[in-house]
């Protein structure tokens, strides 16, 4: 992606990785909520279906990726942005 390369040159790789990763966390958390709100079959023994649990696990994985980015040099500047997304 040419625009991504230009943006990295102008803004820096750390902030772009942060924005992409935090956006993934946001989208995956919303997907988790959508799966959670979906009606379950009448004979279901669980409140959560497989898709909901998978989306939640993926959200947590990306959240950990985001936390790792925040621990890199300069990443601490983005913590308040991440918390308020």
Protein backbone atom coordinates (compact mmCIF):
# COMPACT_ATOMS: atom_id res chain seq x y z
CA UNK A 1 0.00 0.00 0.00
CA UNK A 2 1.63 3.15 -1.21
CA UNK A 3 -0.33 5.47 1.12
CA UNK A 4 0.84 3.46 4.13
CA UNK A 5 4.49 3.84 3.14
CA UNK A 6 4.05 7.60 2.66
CA UNK A 7 2.24 7.91 5.98
CA UNK A 8 5.02 5.96 7.74
CA UNK A 9 7.62 8.32 6.30
CA UNK A 10 5.67 11.39 7.37
CA UNK A 11 4.25 10.29 10.72
CA UNK A 12 6.40 7.42 11.87
CA UNK A 13 5.93 3.69 11.99
CA UNK A 14 5.13 3.52 15.71
CA UNK A 15 2.06 5.72 15.56
CA UNK A 16 0.71 4.01 12.45
CA UNK A 17 1.14 0.58 14.01
CA UNK A 18 -0.58 1.90 17.13
CA UNK A 19 -3.54 3.26 15.14
CA UNK A 20 -3.92 0.04 13.16
CA UNK A 21 -3.70 -2.19 16.20
CA UNK A 22 -6.04 -0.09 18.34
CA UNK A 23 -8.52 0.03 15.44
CA UNK A 24 -8.38 -3.78 15.29
CA UNK A 25 -9.16 -3.93 19.02
CA UNK A 26 -12.13 -1.62 18.55
CA UNK A 27 -13.56 -3.52 15.58
CA UNK A 28 -13.05 -6.93 17.18
CA UNK A 29 -14.66 -5.82 20.44
CA UNK A 30 -17.69 -4.61 18.48
CA UNK A 31 -17.83 -7.92 16.64
CA UNK A 32 -17.77 -9.71 19.99
CA UNK A 33 -20.76 -7.63 21.12
CA UNK A 34 -22.66 -8.40 17.92
CA UNK A 35 -22.11 -12.14 18.40
CA UNK A 36 -23.09 -11.81 22.06
CA UNK A 37 -26.37 -10.08 21.15
CA UNK A 38 -27.29 -12.71 18.57
CA UNK A 39 -30.02 -15.06 19.79
CA UNK A 40 -28.85 -18.50 20.81
CA UNK A 41 -30.59 -21.72 19.82
CA UNK A 42 -33.23 -22.84 22.32
CA UNK A 43 -31.24 -25.96 23.23
CA UNK A 44 -27.96 -24.08 23.81
CA UNK A 45 -26.27 -24.78 27.13
CA UNK A 46 -24.14 -21.63 26.95
CA UNK A 47 -24.78 -17.92 26.71
CA UNK A 48 -21.82 -17.55 24.36
CA UNK A 49 -21.53 -19.19 20.97
CA UNK A 50 -18.26 -20.27 19.34
CA UNK A 51 -18.05 -17.14 17.16
CA UNK A 52 -18.46 -14.87 20.18
CA UNK A 53 -15.69 -16.63 22.10
CA UNK A 54 -13.37 -16.62 19.10
CA UNK A 55 -13.94 -12.90 18.53
CA UNK A 56 -13.34 -12.19 22.23
CA UNK A 57 -10.07 -14.15 22.17
CA UNK A 58 -8.94 -12.33 19.04
CA UNK A 59 -9.80 -9.02 20.71
CA UNK A 60 -7.67 -9.87 23.72
CA UNK A 61 -4.78 -10.97 21.49
CA UNK A 62 -4.84 -7.65 19.62
CA UNK A 63 -5.17 -5.79 22.92
CA UNK A 64 -1.96 -7.48 24.09
CA UNK A 65 -0.31 -6.47 20.81
CA UNK A 66 -1.38 -2.90 21.46
CA UNK A 67 -0.01 -3.00 25.00
CA UNK A 68 3.31 -4.25 23.61
CA UNK A 69 3.40 -1.27 21.23
CA UNK A 70 2.74 1.08 24.12
CA UNK A 71 5.74 -0.36 25.95
CA UNK A 72 8.07 0.52 23.08
CA UNK A 73 10.02 3.73 23.16
CA UNK A 74 7.61 6.60 22.50
CA UNK A 75 4.57 4.36 22.89
CA UNK A 76 3.76 5.67 26.34
CA UNK A 77 2.58 8.87 24.66
CA UNK A 78 -0.36 6.98 23.13
CA UNK A 79 -1.71 5.31 26.28
CA UNK A 80 -4.30 7.97 27.08
CA UNK A 81 -5.48 7.90 23.47
CA UNK A 82 -5.88 4.13 23.62
CA UNK A 83 -7.80 4.21 26.90
CA UNK A 84 -10.23 6.83 25.58
CA UNK A 85 -11.01 5.15 22.25
